[in-house]
Protein backbone atom coordinates (compact mmCIF):
# COMPACT_ATOMS: atom_id res chain seq x y z
CA MET A 1 -54.90 27.75 39.93
CA ALA A 2 -58.11 28.66 41.74
CA ILE A 3 -61.30 26.86 40.77
CA ASN A 4 -64.85 28.15 40.95
CA ILE A 5 -66.64 25.66 43.22
CA LYS A 6 -70.03 27.26 42.69
CA GLU A 7 -69.69 26.92 38.91
CA ILE A 8 -68.45 23.31 39.14
CA ASN A 9 -71.46 22.43 41.34
CA ARG A 10 -73.83 24.05 38.85
CA LYS A 11 -72.33 22.17 35.88
CA HIS A 12 -72.25 18.89 37.79
CA LEU A 13 -75.88 19.26 38.86
CA LEU A 14 -76.98 19.67 35.25
CA LYS A 15 -74.68 16.97 33.85
CA SER A 16 -74.75 14.14 36.42
CA ASP A 17 -76.28 14.94 39.78
CA VAL A 18 -79.81 15.42 38.48
CA VAL A 19 -79.85 11.76 37.40
CA TYR A 20 -78.80 10.62 40.87
CA ARG A 21 -81.33 12.91 42.57
CA ILE A 22 -84.32 11.86 40.49
CA ASN A 23 -83.61 8.16 39.99
CA TYR A 24 -81.71 7.20 43.14
CA GLY A 25 -82.46 9.72 45.88
CA LEU A 26 -78.83 10.79 46.23
CA SER A 27 -77.49 14.32 46.04
CA SER A 28 -73.95 15.60 46.26
CA ARG A 29 -72.01 18.83 46.11
CA LEU A 30 -68.41 19.89 46.08
CA VAL A 31 -67.57 21.89 49.21
CA ASN A 32 -63.82 22.29 48.67
CA PHE A 33 -60.86 21.33 46.52
CA ARG A 34 -57.52 21.73 48.25
CA ASN A 35 -54.09 20.13 47.78
CA GLY A 36 -55.47 17.72 45.18
CA ILE A 37 -58.26 16.47 47.45
CA MET A 38 -61.95 16.88 46.61
CA TYR A 39 -64.33 17.38 49.53
CA LEU A 40 -67.89 16.25 48.82
CA GLU A 41 -71.04 16.46 50.85
CA VAL A 42 -73.53 13.67 50.07
CA MET A 43 -77.11 13.11 51.22
CA PHE A 44 -78.95 9.78 50.93
CA THR A 45 -82.70 9.33 50.88
CA ARG A 46 -84.64 6.08 51.05
CA LYS A 47 -84.20 5.21 47.37
CA TRP A 48 -80.41 4.85 47.69
CA LYS A 49 -79.44 1.25 48.47
CA LYS A 50 -75.63 1.26 48.43
CA ASN A 51 -73.51 1.40 51.57
CA TYR A 52 -71.14 4.20 52.55
CA ASP A 53 -68.02 2.64 51.01
CA GLU A 54 -69.67 1.88 47.65
CA THR A 55 -71.15 5.36 47.56
CA THR A 56 -67.83 7.02 48.32
CA GLU A 57 -66.08 5.21 45.50
CA GLU A 58 -68.87 5.76 42.96
CA LEU A 59 -69.32 9.46 43.63
CA ALA A 60 -65.62 10.25 43.90
CA MET A 61 -65.04 8.67 40.49
CA CYS A 62 -68.12 10.36 39.02
CA TRP A 63 -67.05 13.82 40.18
CA ARG A 64 -63.48 13.32 39.03
CA GLU A 65 -64.41 11.96 35.59
CA SER A 66 -67.24 14.42 34.95
CA ASN A 67 -65.35 17.63 35.74
CA ASP A 68 -62.20 18.63 33.88
CA GLU A 69 -61.11 20.85 36.79
CA LEU A 70 -61.01 17.80 39.10
CA ARG A 71 -59.30 15.25 36.83
CA LYS A 72 -55.94 15.67 38.56
CA ALA A 73 -57.41 15.03 42.00
CA ILE A 74 -55.41 12.50 44.01
CA GLY A 75 -58.18 11.72 46.49
CA CYS A 76 -61.62 12.51 47.81
CA LYS A 77 -63.12 13.00 51.26
CA VAL A 78 -66.87 12.37 51.48
CA TYR A 79 -69.12 13.68 54.26
CA ILE A 80 -72.34 11.65 54.40
CA ILE A 81 -75.76 12.77 55.62
CA ASP A 82 -77.98 9.70 55.86
CA ALA A 83 -81.63 10.71 55.61
CA ARG A 84 -82.57 7.03 55.19
CA GLN A 85 -82.13 6.50 58.91
CA TYR A 86 -83.02 10.05 59.94
CA PRO A 87 -85.62 11.50 57.53
CA TYR A 88 -85.74 14.83 59.41
CA LYS A 89 -82.17 15.53 58.21
CA LYS A 90 -83.35 16.11 54.65
CA GLU A 91 -85.69 18.91 55.67
CA LEU A 92 -83.13 20.35 58.06
CA TYR A 93 -80.52 20.37 55.32
CA LEU A 94 -82.86 21.87 52.73
CA GLN A 95 -83.98 24.60 55.13
CA SER A 96 -80.64 25.56 56.63
CA GLY A 97 -77.94 23.97 54.46
CA VAL A 98 -76.59 22.26 57.57
CA ALA A 99 -77.08 18.78 59.06
CA SER A 100 -74.80 16.59 61.14
CA TYR A 101 -72.74 14.01 59.29
CA ASP A 102 -73.39 10.32 59.84
CA ALA A 103 -70.10 9.20 58.32
CA LYS A 104 -66.87 10.50 56.84
CA LYS A 105 -65.12 8.40 54.23
CA GLY A 106 -62.10 8.88 52.01
CA ILE A 107 -60.53 7.40 48.92
CA LEU A 108 -57.18 7.73 47.17
CA PHE A 109 -57.32 7.30 43.41
CA ASN A 110 -53.81 5.89 43.20
CA GLN A 111 -52.74 3.53 45.98
CA GLU A 112 -49.09 4.35 45.29
CA GLN A 113 -49.84 7.92 46.37
CA LEU A 114 -49.06 6.79 49.92
CA ASN A 115 -45.44 5.93 49.08
């Protein structure tokens, strides 16, 4: 079953992501969903205080729980752009849609998935 990533991003922006953007300076988008794994791109700004691991867990769960199409996901890979340390990355990303990643993190929703 193919999913419409553009439509999921639009729905998620209106349902959840807008709260993170306005209140916490954190934005995210789904870039792929393949073999049960969600691939998210996340950008931090100065307001966001959590570390990479906390952010990965929080956003992976948020995306999975907020989107019916992603509920059966077994894991999530998160690509992080940290504009807290490098403020120019926000403008670069907004202008071109591309910025280098500062971290890549992953999470499995069920630890027994490895067995």
